[in-house]
Amino acid sequence: MMNTKINYLYRDGSNYKQFNYAIVAGEFKEEDLRYIESVMNFEFFIPEQVGLHLTRPDDDFTEDDHCWAELDPEEDIVLTDEDPLPEGDGIITWEQLMDKFREVEKTGWNEDEYTPN
């Protein structure tokens, strides 16, 4: 069985960049990519709201920092034979990630909860 690698980019207000990725257990379906794209805020999403980590270029938060990351589901989500990586409480599955996106569709993106202070 293959796993899914998700590549996403954090870019702060001064254009400092930090590349992030996650590997979740299980395979995506093509229709999942279109669904994720429909839930996203244009090309942006809040990784922490769907259970993924977000690494920024610096641990010291400034007025340039925010919670959004860039993702192009059609290009940045790929199958891999790499092992899944722990996210937060442990290994998550593709289905668990999709459940989180379904929750966001109902509640919306909550940037107030995830924006650094």
PDB file of N, CA and C in Angstrom:
ATOM      1  N   MET A   1       0.851  -1.187   0.000  1.00  0.00           N
ATOM      2  CA  MET A   1       0.000   0.000   0.000  1.00  0.00           C
ATOM      3  C   MET A   1       0.892   1.245   0.000  1.00  0.00           C
ATOM      4  N   MET A   2       0.487   2.215  -0.766  1.00  0.00           N
ATOM      5  CA  MET A   2       1.200   3.486  -0.839  1.00  0.00           C
ATOM      6  C   MET A   2       0.640   4.437   0.225  1.00  0.00           C
ATOM      7  N   ASN A   3       1.386   5.473   0.509  1.00  0.00           N
ATOM      8  CA  ASN A   3       0.963   6.535   1.407  1.00  0.00           C
ATOM      9  C   ASN A   3       0.880   7.832   0.632  1.00  0.00           C
ATOM     10  N   THR A   4       0.480   8.897   1.293  1.00  0.00           N
ATOM     11  CA  THR A   4       0.281  10.181   0.621  1.00  0.00           C
ATOM     12  C   THR A   4       1.200  11.235   1.232  1.00  0.00           C
ATOM     13  N   LYS A   5       1.924  11.923   0.369  1.00  0.00           N
ATOM     14  CA  LYS A   5       2.802  13.019   0.781  1.00  0.00           C
ATOM     15  C   LYS A   5       2.155  14.334   0.377  1.00  0.00           C
ATOM     16  N   ILE A   6       2.104  15.257   1.329  1.00  0.00           N
ATOM     17  CA  ILE A   6       1.486  16.565   1.099  1.00  0.00           C
ATOM     18  C   ILE A   6       2.572  17.617   1.288  1.00  0.00           C
ATOM     19  N   ASN A   7       2.899  18.336   0.230  1.00  0.00           N
ATOM     20  CA  ASN A   7       3.900  19.402   0.272  1.00  0.00           C
ATOM     21  C   ASN A   7       3.172  20.734   0.330  1.00  0.00           C
ATOM     22  N   TYR A   8       3.544  21.590   1.282  1.00  0.00           N
ATOM     23  CA  TYR A   8       2.890  22.893   1.389  1.00  0.00           C
ATOM     24  C   TYR A   8       3.911  23.936   1.837  1.00  0.00           C
ATOM     25  N   LEU A   9       3.617  25.182   1.521  1.00  0.00           N
ATOM     26  CA  LEU A   9       4.565  26.274   1.711  1.00  0.00           C
ATOM     27  C   LEU A   9       3.998  27.326   2.643  1.00  0.00           C
ATOM     28  N   TYR A  10       4.804  27.708   3.635  1.00  0.00           N
ATOM     29  CA  TYR A  10       4.479  28.868   4.468  1.00  0.00           C
ATOM     30  C   TYR A  10       5.287  30.041   3.930  1.00  0.00           C
ATOM     31  N   ARG A  11       4.603  31.171   3.731  1.00  0.00           N
ATOM     32  CA  ARG A  11       5.258  32.390   3.246  1.00  0.00           C
ATOM     33  C   ARG A  11       4.735  33.537   4.098  1.00  0.00           C
ATOM     34  N   ASP A  12       5.630  34.168   4.863  1.00  0.00           N
ATOM     35  CA  ASP A  12       5.161  35.248   5.735  1.00  0.00           C
ATOM     36  C   ASP A  12       5.004  36.552   4.955  1.00  0.00           C
ATOM     37  N   GLY A  13       4.581  37.596   5.653  1.00  0.00           N
ATOM     38  CA  GLY A  13       4.317  38.881   5.014  1.00  0.00           C
ATOM     39  C   GLY A  13       5.537  39.533   4.390  1.00  0.00           C
ATOM     40  N   SER A  14       6.734  39.135   4.800  1.00  0.00           N
ATOM     41  CA  SER A  14       7.972  39.656   4.217  1.00  0.00           C
ATOM     42  C   SER A  14       8.531  38.709   3.158  1.00  0.00           C
ATOM     43  N   ASN A  15       7.768  37.688   2.797  1.00  0.00           N
ATOM     44  CA  ASN A  15       8.110  36.702   1.778  1.00  0.00           C
ATOM     45  C   ASN A  15       9.215  35.732   2.207  1.00  0.00           C
ATOM     46  N   TYR A  16       9.441  35.593   3.521  1.00  0.00           N
ATOM     47  CA  TYR A  16      10.316  34.524   3.991  1.00  0.00           C
ATOM     48  C   TYR A  16       9.529  33.234   3.883  1.00  0.00           C
ATOM     49  N   LYS A  17      10.187  32.179   3.389  1.00  0.00           N
ATOM     50  CA  LYS A  17       9.480  30.938   3.086  1.00  0.00           C
ATOM     51  C   LYS A  17       9.995  29.781   3.928  1.00  0.00           C
ATOM     52  N   GLN A  18       9.094  28.865   4.214  1.00  0.00           N
ATOM     53  CA  GLN A  18       9.447  27.613   4.875  1.00  0.00           C
ATOM     54  C   GLN A  18       8.641  26.503   4.209  1.00  0.00           C
ATOM     55  N   PHE A  19       9.344  25.543   3.619  1.00  0.00           N
ATOM     56  CA  PHE A  19       8.664  24.417   2.997  1.00  0.00           C
ATOM     57  C   PHE A  19       8.312  23.391   4.070  1.00  0.00           C
ATOM     58  N   ASN A  20       7.114  22.860   3.998  1.00  0.00           N
ATOM     59  CA  ASN A  20       6.605  21.864   4.928  1.00  0.00           C
ATOM     60  C   ASN A  20       6.120  20.654   4.138  1.00  0.00           C
ATOM     61  N   TYR A  21       6.098  19.515   4.797  1.00  0.00           N
ATOM     62  CA  TYR A  21       5.452  18.351   4.198  1.00  0.00           C
ATOM     63  C   TYR A  21       4.972  17.419   5.291  1.00  0.00           C
ATOM     64  N   ALA A  22       4.021  16.606   4.932  1.00  0.00           N
ATOM     65  CA  ALA A  22       3.488  15.591   5.829  1.00  0.00           C
ATOM     66  C   ALA A  22       3.307  14.318   5.010  1.00  0.00           C
ATOM     67  N   ILE A  23       3.465  13.194   5.664  1.00  0.00           N
ATOM     68  CA  ILE A  23       3.183  11.910   5.024  1.00  0.00           C
ATOM     69  C   ILE A  23       2.138  11.211   5.882  1.00  0.00           C
ATOM     70  N   VAL A  24       0.975  10.971   5.277  1.00  0.00           N
ATOM     71  CA  VAL A  24      -0.127  10.338   5.990  1.00  0.00           C
ATOM     72  C   VAL A  24      -0.329   8.921   5.446  1.00  0.00           C
ATOM     73  N   ALA A  25      -0.869   8.066   6.274  1.00  0.00           N
ATOM     74  CA  ALA A  25      -1.086   6.667   5.904  1.00  0.00           C
ATOM     75  C   ALA A  25      -2.254   6.552   4.931  1.00  0.00           C
ATOM     76  N   GLY A  26      -2.045   5.825   3.870  1.00  0.00           N
ATOM     77  CA  GLY A  26      -3.121   5.568   2.918  1.00  0.00           C
ATOM     78  C   GLY A  26      -3.014   6.424   1.669  1.00  0.00           C
ATOM     79  N   GLU A  27      -3.824   6.055   0.693  1.00  0.00           N
ATOM     80  CA  GLU A  27      -3.788   6.692  -0.626  1.00  0.00           C
ATOM     81  C   GLU A  27      -4.970   7.622  -0.836  1.00  0.00           C
ATOM     82  N   PHE A  28      -4.693   8.725  -1.513  1.00  0.00           N
ATOM     83  CA  PHE A  28      -5.765   9.644  -1.887  1.00  0.00           C
ATOM     84  C   PHE A  28      -6.469   9.155  -3.144  1.00  0.00           C
ATOM     85  N   LYS A  29      -7.648   9.695  -3.355  1.00  0.00           N
ATOM     86  CA  LYS A  29      -8.389   9.458  -4.595  1.00  0.00           C
ATOM     87  C   LYS A  29      -8.424  10.777  -5.359  1.00  0.00           C
ATOM     88  N   GLU A  30      -8.506  10.705  -6.657  1.00  0.00           N
ATOM     89  CA  GLU A  30      -8.513  11.926  -7.475  1.00  0.00           C
ATOM     90  C   GLU A  30      -9.631  12.883  -7.071  1.00  0.00           C
ATOM     91  N   GLU A  31     -10.799  12.332  -6.763  1.00  0.00           N
ATOM     92  CA  GLU A  31     -11.917  13.202  -6.371  1.00  0.00           C
ATOM     93  C   GLU A  31     -11.640  13.898  -5.036  1.00  0.00           C
ATOM     94  N   ASP A  32     -10.788  13.303  -4.180  1.00  0.00           N
ATOM     95  CA  ASP A  32     -10.400  13.954  -2.924  1.00  0.00           C
ATOM     96  C   ASP A  32      -9.654  15.264  -3.191  1.00  0.00           C
ATOM     97  N   LEU A  33      -8.807  15.257  -4.206  1.00  0.00           N
ATOM     98  CA  LEU A  33      -8.034  16.466  -4.523  1.00  0.00           C
ATOM     99  C   LEU A  33      -8.949  17.604  -4.931  1.00  0.00           C
ATOM    100  N   ARG A  34      -9.937  17.300  -5.745  1.00  0.00           N
ATOM    101  CA  ARG A  34     -10.901  18.337  -6.163  1.00  0.00           C
ATOM    102  C   ARG A  34     -11.717  18.830  -4.971  1.00  0.00           C
ATOM    103  N   TYR A  35     -12.048  17.911  -4.073  1.00  0.00           N
ATOM    104  CA  TYR A  35     -12.799  18.293  -2.878  1.00  0.00           C
ATOM    105  C   TYR A  35     -11.971  19.235  -2.008  1.00  0.00           C
ATOM    106  N   ILE A  36     -10.728  18.879  -1.743  1.00  0.00           N
ATOM    107  CA  ILE A  36      -9.854  19.738  -0.931  1.00  0.00           C
ATOM    108  C   ILE A  36      -9.748  21.119  -1.553  1.00  0.00           C
ATOM    109  N   GLU A  37      -9.561  21.157  -2.850  1.00  0.00           N
ATOM    110  CA  GLU A  37      -9.455  22.442  -3.550  1.00  0.00           C
ATOM    111  C   GLU A  37     -10.718  23.277  -3.358  1.00  0.00           C
ATOM    112  N   SER A  38     -11.877  22.639  -3.322  1.00  0.00           N
ATOM    113  CA  SER A  38     -13.130  23.380  -3.162  1.00  0.00           C
ATOM    114  C   SER A  38     -13.300  23.926  -1.743  1.00  0.00           C
ATOM    115  N   VAL A  39     -12.662  23.295  -0.763  1.00  0.00           N
ATOM    116  CA  VAL A  39     -12.778  23.719   0.633  1.00  0.00           C
ATOM    117  C   VAL A  39     -11.754  24.805   0.968  1.00  0.00           C
ATOM    118  N   MET A  40     -10.660  24.836   0.225  1.00  0.00           N
ATOM    119  CA  MET A  40      -9.586  25.783   0.524  1.00  0.00           C
ATOM    120  C   MET A  40     -10.031  27.225   0.290  1.00  0.00           C
ATOM    121  N   ASN A  41      -9.303  28.137   0.907  1.00  0.00           N
ATOM    122  CA  ASN A  41      -9.506  29.571   0.716  1.00  0.00           C
ATOM    123  C   ASN A  41      -8.599  29.989  -0.434  1.00  0.00           C
ATOM    124  N   PHE A  42      -9.081  29.858  -1.650  1.00  0.00           N
ATOM    125  CA  PHE A  42      -8.286  30.003  -2.864  1.00  0.00           C
ATOM    126  C   PHE A  42      -7.182  28.961  -2.833  1.00  0.00           C
ATOM    127  N   GLU A  43      -5.901  29.334  -2.737  1.00  0.00           N
ATOM    128  CA  GLU A  43      -4.829  28.340  -2.685  1.00  0.00           C
ATOM    129  C   GLU A  43      -4.300  28.145  -1.262  1.00  0.00           C
ATOM    130  N   PHE A  44      -5.024  28.637  -0.266  1.00  0.00           N
ATOM    131  CA  PHE A  44      -4.543  28.622   1.108  1.00  0.00           C
ATOM    132  C   PHE A  44      -5.375  27.710   2.002  1.00  0.00           C
ATOM    133  N   PHE A  45      -4.715  27.174   3.018  1.00  0.00           N
ATOM    134  CA  PHE A  45      -5.390  26.393   4.039  1.00  0.00           C
ATOM    135  C   PHE A  45      -4.627  26.561   5.348  1.00  0.00           C
ATOM    136  N   ILE A  46      -5.240  26.174   6.455  1.00  0.00           N
ATOM    137  CA  ILE A  46      -4.602  26.249   7.765  1.00  0.00           C
ATOM    138  C   ILE A  46      -4.219  24.818   8.156  1.00  0.00           C
ATOM    139  N   PRO A  47      -2.952  24.456   7.987  1.00  0.00           N
ATOM    140  CA  PRO A  47      -2.546  23.064   8.246  1.00  0.00           C
ATOM    141  C   PRO A  47      -2.950  22.570   9.627  1.00  0.00           C
ATOM    142  N   GLU A  48      -2.759  23.384  10.649  1.00  0.00           N
ATOM    143  CA  GLU A  48      -3.044  22.952  12.016  1.00  0.00           C
ATOM    144  C   GLU A  48      -4.525  22.644  12.229  1.00  0.00           C
ATOM    145  N   GLN A  49      -5.391  23.269  11.455  1.00  0.00           N
ATOM    146  CA  GLN A  49      -6.823  23.018  11.607  1.00  0.00           C
ATOM    147  C   GLN A  49      -7.226  21.655  11.046  1.00  0.00           C
ATOM    148  N   VAL A  50      -6.405  21.108  10.168  1.00  0.00           N
ATOM    149  CA  VAL A  50      -6.700  19.778   9.622  1.00  0.00           C
ATOM    150  C   VAL A  50      -5.735  18.718  10.167  1.00  0.00           C
ATOM    151  N   GLY A  51      -5.015  19.064  11.241  1.00  0.00           N
ATOM    152  CA  GLY A  51      -4.174  18.081  11.913  1.00  0.00           C
ATOM    153  C   GLY A  51      -2.747  17.980  11.434  1.00  0.00           C
ATOM    154  N   LEU A  52      -2.289  18.911  10.576  1.00  0.00           N
ATOM    155  CA  LEU A  52      -0.917  18.898  10.087  1.00  0.00           C
ATOM    156  C   LEU A  52      -0.096  19.967  10.790  1.00  0.00           C
ATOM    157  N   HIS A  53       1.205  19.762  10.868  1.00  0.00           N
ATOM    158  CA  HIS A  53       2.085  20.744  11.502  1.00  0.00           C
ATOM    159  C   HIS A  53       2.330  21.923  10.556  1.00  0.00           C
ATOM    160  N   LEU A  54       2.746  23.036  11.115  1.00  0.00           N
ATOM    161  CA  LEU A  54       3.156  24.188  10.310  1.00  0.00           C
ATOM    162  C   LEU A  54       4.439  24.733  10.915  1.00  0.00           C
ATOM    163  N   THR A  55       5.508  24.672  10.143  1.00  0.00           N
ATOM    164  CA  THR A  55       6.789  25.217  10.567  1.00  0.00           C
ATOM    165  C   THR A  55       6.985  26.542   9.853  1.00  0.00           C
ATOM    166  N   ARG A  56       7.368  27.551  10.626  1.00  0.00           N
ATOM    167  CA  ARG A  56       7.645  28.880  10.091  1.00  0.00           C
ATOM    168  C   ARG A  56       9.155  29.095  10.055  1.00  0.00           C
ATOM    169  N   PRO A  57       9.645  30.081   9.295  1.00  0.00           N
ATOM    170  CA  PRO A  57      11.095  30.304   9.199  1.00  0.00           C
ATOM    171  C   PRO A  57      11.756  30.630  10.534  1.00  0.00           C
ATOM    172  N   ASP A  58      10.996  31.180  11.484  1.00  0.00           N
ATOM    173  CA  ASP A  58      11.575  31.625  12.740  1.00  0.00           C
ATOM    174  C   ASP A  58      10.582  31.356  13.865  1.00  0.00           C
ATOM    175  N   ASP A  59      11.088  30.995  15.030  1.00  0.00           N
ATOM    176  CA  ASP A  59      10.214  30.750  16.179  1.00  0.00           C
ATOM    177  C   ASP A  59       9.685  32.028  16.806  1.00  0.00           C
ATOM    178  N   ASP A  60      10.340  33.155  16.537  1.00  0.00           N
ATOM    179  CA  ASP A  60       9.891  34.440  17.069  1.00  0.00           C
ATOM    180  C   ASP A  60       8.828  35.006  16.135  1.00  0.00           C
ATOM    181  N   PHE A  61       7.610  35.095  16.630  1.00  0.00           N
ATOM    182  CA  PHE A  61       6.514  35.573  15.801  1.00  0.00           C
ATOM    183  C   PHE A  61       6.583  37.089  15.666  1.00  0.00           C
ATOM    184  N   THR A  62       6.302  37.561  14.474  1.00  0.00           N
ATOM    185  CA  THR A  62       6.260  38.998  14.203  1.00  0.00           C
ATOM    186  C   THR A  62       4.911  39.344  13.597  1.00  0.00           C
ATOM    187  N   GLU A  63       4.710  40.622  13.305  1.00  0.00           N
ATOM    188  CA  GLU A  63       3.462  41.048  12.669  1.00  0.00           C
ATOM    189  C   GLU A  63       3.316  40.470  11.263  1.00  0.00           C
ATOM    190  N   ASP A  64       4.383  39.912  10.709  1.00  0.00           N
ATOM    191  CA  ASP A  64       4.327  39.300   9.380  1.00  0.00           C
ATOM    192  C   ASP A  64       3.812  37.865   9.404  1.00  0.00           C
ATOM    193  N   ASP A  65       3.723  37.267  10.589  1.00  0.00           N
ATOM    194  CA  ASP A  65       3.329  35.866  10.686  1.00  0.00           C
ATOM    195  C   ASP A  65       1.818  35.692  10.680  1.00  0.00           C
ATOM    196  N   HIS A  66       1.392  34.536  10.206  1.00  0.00           N
ATOM    197  CA  HIS A  66      -0.023  34.183  10.114  1.00  0.00           C
ATOM    198  C   HIS A  66      -0.125  32.667  10.147  1.00  0.00           C
ATOM    199  N   CYS A  67      -1.292  32.117   9.929  1.00  0.00           N
ATOM    200  CA  CYS A  67      -1.499  30.666  10.049  1.00  0.00           C
ATOM    201  C   CYS A  67      -1.690  29.967   8.706  1.00  0.00           C
ATOM    202  N   TRP A  68      -1.679  30.693   7.611  1.00  0.00           N
ATOM    203  CA  TRP A  68      -2.013  30.126   6.305  1.00  0.00           C
ATOM    204  C   TRP A  68      -0.800  29.513   5.610  1.00  0.00           C
ATOM    205  N   ALA A  69      -1.032  28.449   4.859  1.00  0.00           N
ATOM    206  CA  ALA A  69      -0.010  27.837   4.016  1.00  0.00           C
ATOM    207  C   ALA A  69      -0.583  27.677   2.612  1.00  0.00           C
ATOM    208  N   GLU A  70       0.308  27.628   1.644  1.00  0.00           N
ATOM    209  CA  GLU A  70      -0.087  27.472   0.244  1.00  0.00           C
ATOM    210  C   GLU A  70      -0.059  25.999  -0.146  1.00  0.00           C
ATOM    211  N   LEU A  71      -1.051  25.610  -0.927  1.00  0.00           N
ATOM    212  CA  LEU A  71      -1.152  24.229  -1.381  1.00  0.00           C
ATOM    213  C   LEU A  71      -1.882  24.185  -2.711  1.00  0.00           C
ATOM    214  N   ASP A  72      -1.311  23.461  -3.662  1.00  0.00           N
ATOM    215  CA  ASP A  72      -1.985  23.161  -4.916  1.00  0.00           C
ATOM    216  C   ASP A  72      -2.235  21.654  -4.912  1.00  0.00           C
ATOM    217  N   PRO A  73      -3.441  21.225  -4.547  1.00  0.00           N
ATOM    218  CA  PRO A  73      -3.689  19.787  -4.381  1.00  0.00           C
ATOM    219  C   PRO A  73      -3.289  18.943  -5.586  1.00  0.00           C
ATOM    220  N   GLU A  74      -3.512  19.447  -6.786  1.00  0.00           N
ATOM    221  CA  GLU A  74      -3.206  18.660  -7.986  1.00  0.00           C
ATOM    222  C   GLU A  74      -1.702  18.421  -8.162  1.00  0.00           C
ATOM    223  N   GLU A  75      -0.873  19.334  -7.656  1.00  0.00           N
ATOM    224  CA  GLU A  75       0.581  19.205  -7.814  1.00  0.00           C
ATOM    225  C   GLU A  75       1.288  18.797  -6.534  1.00  0.00           C
ATOM    226  N   ASP A  76       0.760  19.207  -5.390  1.00  0.00           N
ATOM    227  CA  ASP A  76       1.489  19.074  -4.132  1.00  0.00           C
ATOM    228  C   ASP A  76       1.093  17.864  -3.301  1.00  0.00           C
ATOM    229  N   ILE A  77       0.104  17.117  -3.742  1.00  0.00           N
ATOM    230  CA  ILE A  77      -0.294  15.890  -3.048  1.00  0.00           C
ATOM    231  C   ILE A  77       0.031  14.720  -3.969  1.00  0.00           C
ATOM    232  N   VAL A  78       0.936  13.866  -3.501  1.00  0.00           N
ATOM    233  CA  VAL A  78       1.447  12.780  -4.349  1.00  0.00           C
ATOM    234  C   VAL A  78       1.503  11.479  -3.562  1.00  0.00           C
ATOM    235  N   LEU A  79       1.483  10.374  -4.281  1.00  0.00           N
ATOM    236  CA  LEU A  79       1.674   9.073  -3.654  1.00  0.00           C
ATOM    237  C   LEU A  79       3.166   8.860  -3.378  1.00  0.00           C
ATOM    238  N   THR A  80       3.447   8.133  -2.297  1.00  0.00           N
ATOM    239  CA  THR A  80       4.827   7.852  -1.927  1.00  0.00           C
ATOM    240  C   THR A  80       4.914   6.476  -1.270  1.00  0.00           C
ATOM    241  N   ASP A  81       6.099   5.891  -1.347  1.00  0.00           N
ATOM    242  CA  ASP A  81       6.317   4.649  -0.601  1.00  0.00           C
ATOM    243  C   ASP A  81       7.018   4.933   0.724  1.00  0.00           C
ATOM    244  N   GLU A  82       7.191   6.211   1.058  1.00  0.00           N
ATOM    245  CA  GLU A  82       7.776   6.589   2.336  1.00  0.00           C
ATOM    246  C   GLU A  82       6.791   6.255   3.463  1.00  0.00           C
ATOM    247  N   ASP A  83       7.339   6.000   4.648  1.00  0.00           N
ATOM    248  CA  ASP A  83       6.506   5.706   5.810  1.00  0.00           C
ATOM    249  C   ASP A  83       5.803   6.963   6.302  1.00  0.00           C
ATOM    250  N   PRO A  84       4.605   6.810   6.856  1.00  0.00           N
ATOM    251  CA  PRO A  84       3.902   7.962   7.432  1.00  0.00           C
ATOM    252  C   PRO A  84       4.710   8.572   8.575  1.00  0.00           C
ATOM    253  N   LEU A  85       4.545   9.878   8.759  1.00  0.00           N
ATOM    254  CA  LEU A  85       5.217  10.605   9.835  1.00  0.00           C
ATOM    255  C   LEU A  85       4.199  11.016  10.887  1.00  0.00           C
ATOM    256  N   PRO A  86       4.591  11.007  12.148  1.00  0.00           N
ATOM    257  CA  PRO A  86       3.667  11.456  13.199  1.00  0.00           C
ATOM    258  C   PRO A  86       3.279  12.920  13.020  1.00  0.00           C
ATOM    259  N   GLU A  87       2.031  13.222  13.256  1.00  0.00           N
ATOM    260  CA  GLU A  87       1.499  14.583  13.235  1.00  0.00           C
ATOM    261  C   GLU A  87       0.755  14.785  14.537  1.00  0.00           C
ATOM    262  N   GLY A  88       1.209  15.681  15.382  1.00  0.00           N
ATOM    263  CA  GLY A  88       0.506  15.932  16.634  1.00  0.00           C
ATOM    264  C   GLY A  88       0.476  14.707  17.525  1.00  0.00           C
ATOM    265  N   ASP A  89      -0.681  14.033  17.571  1.00  0.00           N
ATOM    266  CA  ASP A  89      -0.868  12.895  18.472  1.00  0.00           C
ATOM    267  C   ASP A  89      -0.393  11.566  17.884  1.00  0.00           C
ATOM    268  N   GLY A  90       0.119  11.569  16.677  1.00  0.00           N
ATOM    269  CA  GLY A  90       0.601  10.318  16.084  1.00  0.00           C
ATOM    270  C   GLY A  90       0.342  10.263  14.592  1.00  0.00           C
ATOM    271  N   ILE A  91       0.418   9.079  14.053  1.00  0.00           N
ATOM    272  CA  ILE A  91       0.199   8.868  12.621  1.00  0.00           C
ATOM    273  C   ILE A  91      -1.276   9.123  12.313  1.00  0.00           C
ATOM    274  N   ILE A  92      -1.521   9.891  11.265  1.00  0.00           N
ATOM    275  CA  ILE A  92      -2.911  10.063  10.823  1.00  0.00           C
ATOM    276  C   ILE A  92      -3.077   9.406   9.465  1.00  0.00           C
ATOM    277  N   THR A  93      -4.297   9.057   9.167  1.00  0.00           N
ATOM    278  CA  THR A  93      -4.594   8.415   7.890  1.00  0.00           C
ATOM    279  C   THR A  93      -5.153   9.449   6.911  1.00  0.00           C
ATOM    280  N   TRP A  94      -5.146   9.076   5.659  1.00  0.00           N
ATOM    281  CA  TRP A  94      -5.738   9.946   4.643  1.00  0.00           C
ATOM    282  C   TRP A  94      -7.212  10.191   4.963  1.00  0.00           C
ATOM    283  N   GLU A  95      -7.916   9.160   5.392  1.00  0.00           N
ATOM    284  CA  GLU A  95      -9.348   9.309   5.712  1.00  0.00           C
ATOM    285  C   GLU A  95      -9.549  10.285   6.868  1.00  0.00           C
ATOM    286  N   GLN A  96      -8.692  10.229   7.882  1.00  0.00           N
ATOM    287  CA  GLN A  96      -8.792  11.187   8.997  1.00  0.00           C
ATOM    288  C   GLN A  96      -8.563  12.614   8.508  1.00  0.00           C
ATOM    289  N   LEU A  97      -7.607  12.780   7.620  1.00  0.00           N
ATOM    290  CA  LEU A  97      -7.350  14.109   7.050  1.00  0.00           C
ATOM    291  C   LEU A  97      -8.570  14.601   6.273  1.00  0.00           C
ATOM    292  N   MET A  98      -9.165  13.718   5.488  1.00  0.00           N
ATOM    293  CA  MET A  98     -10.361  14.103   4.733  1.00  0.00           C
ATOM    294  C   MET A  98     -11.504  14.470   5.678  1.00  0.00           C
ATOM    295  N   ASP A  99     -11.630  13.756   6.789  1.00  0.00           N
ATOM    296  CA  ASP A  99     -12.659  14.095   7.785  1.00  0.00           C
ATOM    297  C   ASP A  99     -12.451  15.506   8.318  1.00  0.00           C
ATOM    298  N   LYS A 100     -11.196  15.888   8.524  1.00  0.00           N
ATOM    299  CA  LYS A 100     -10.890  17.247   9.006  1.00  0.00           C
ATOM    300  C   LYS A 100     -11.290  18.288   7.960  1.00  0.00           C
ATOM    301  N   PHE A 101     -11.024  18.018   6.693  1.00  0.00           N
ATOM    302  CA  PHE A 101     -11.441  18.947   5.634  1.00  0.00           C
ATOM    303  C   PHE A 101     -12.966  19.032   5.564  1.00  0.00           C
ATOM    304  N   ARG A 102     -13.658  17.919   5.808  1.00  0.00           N
ATOM    305  CA  ARG A 102     -15.125  17.946   5.820  1.00  0.00           C
ATOM    306  C   ARG A 102     -15.643  18.802   6.980  1.00  0.00           C
ATOM    307  N   GLU A 103     -14.962  18.734   8.124  1.00  0.00           N
ATOM    308  CA  GLU A 103     -15.327  19.595   9.259  1.00  0.00           C
ATOM    309  C   GLU A 103     -15.152  21.067   8.894  1.00  0.00           C
ATOM    310  N   VAL A 104     -14.042  21.382   8.237  1.00  0.00           N
ATOM    311  CA  VAL A 104     -13.779  22.769   7.837  1.00  0.00           C
ATOM    312  C   VAL A 104     -14.845  23.257   6.870  1.00  0.00           C
ATOM    313  N   GLU A 105     -15.311  22.382   5.990  1.00  0.00           N
ATOM    314  CA  GLU A 105     -16.361  22.785   5.059  1.00  0.00           C
ATOM    315  C   GLU A 105     -17.596  23.255   5.819  1.00  0.00           C
ATOM    316  N   LYS A 106     -17.877  22.619   6.943  1.00  0.00           N
ATOM    317  CA  LYS A 106     -19.054  22.976   7.747  1.00  0.00           C
ATOM    318  C   LYS A 106     -18.814  24.223   8.594  1.00  0.00           C
ATOM    319  N   THR A 107     -17.626  24.342   9.173  1.00  0.00           N
ATOM    320  CA  THR A 107     -17.358  25.407  10.151  1.00  0.00           C
ATOM    321  C   THR A 107     -16.607  26.595   9.578  1.00  0.00           C
ATOM    322  N   GLY A 108     -15.890  26.393   8.486  1.00  0.00           N
ATOM    323  CA  GLY A 108     -15.040  27.440   7.916  1.00  0.00           C
ATOM    324  C   GLY A 108     -13.657  27.420   8.551  1.00  0.00           C
ATOM    325  N   TRP A 109     -12.746  28.142   7.922  1.00  0.00           N
ATOM    326  CA  TRP A 109     -11.385  28.260   8.431  1.00  0.00           C
ATOM    327  C   TRP A 109     -11.389  29.195   9.632  1.00  0.00           C
ATOM    328  N   ASN A 110     -10.717  28.814  10.703  1.00  0.00           N
ATOM    329  CA  ASN A 110     -10.718  29.581  11.945  1.00  0.00           C
ATOM    330  C   ASN A 110      -9.342  30.191  12.170  1.00  0.00           C
ATOM    331  N   GLU A 111      -9.040  31.267  11.469  1.00  0.00           N
ATOM    332  CA  GLU A 111      -7.703  31.827  11.574  1.00  0.00           C
ATOM    333  C   GLU A 111      -7.433  32.448  12.936  1.00  0.00           C
ATOM    334  N   ASP A 112      -8.462  32.880  13.654  1.00  0.00           N
ATOM    335  CA  ASP A 112      -8.245  33.469  14.982  1.00  0.00           C
ATOM    336  C   ASP A 112      -7.631  32.462  15.953  1.00  0.00           C
ATOM    337  N   GLU A 113      -8.042  31.213  15.849  1.00  0.00           N
ATOM    338  CA  GLU A 113      -7.529  30.183  16.763  1.00  0.00           C
ATOM    339  C   GLU A 113      -6.084  29.812  16.468  1.00  0.00           C
ATOM    340  N   TYR A 114      -5.645  29.934  15.227  1.00  0.00           N
ATOM    341  CA  TYR A 114      -4.336  29.444  14.830  1.00  0.00           C
ATOM    342  C   TYR A 114      -3.321  30.533  14.499  1.00  0.00           C
ATOM    343  N   THR A 115      -3.711  31.797  14.556  1.00  0.00           N
ATOM    344  CA  THR A 115      -2.773  32.878  14.269  1.00  0.00           C
ATOM    345  C   THR A 115      -1.878  33.092  15.488  1.00  0.00           C
ATOM    346  N   PRO A 116      -0.545  33.174  15.278  1.00  0.00           N
ATOM    347  CA  PRO A 116       0.363  33.379  16.411  1.00  0.00           C
ATOM    348  C   PRO A 116       0.108  34.723  17.090  1.00  0.00           C
ATOM    349  N   ASN A 117       0.327  34.750  18.387  1.00  0.00           N
ATOM    350  CA  ASN A 117       0.141  35.999  19.146  1.00  0.00           C
ATOM    351  C   ASN A 117       1.415  36.805  19.170  1.00  0.00           C
TER     352      ASN A 117
END
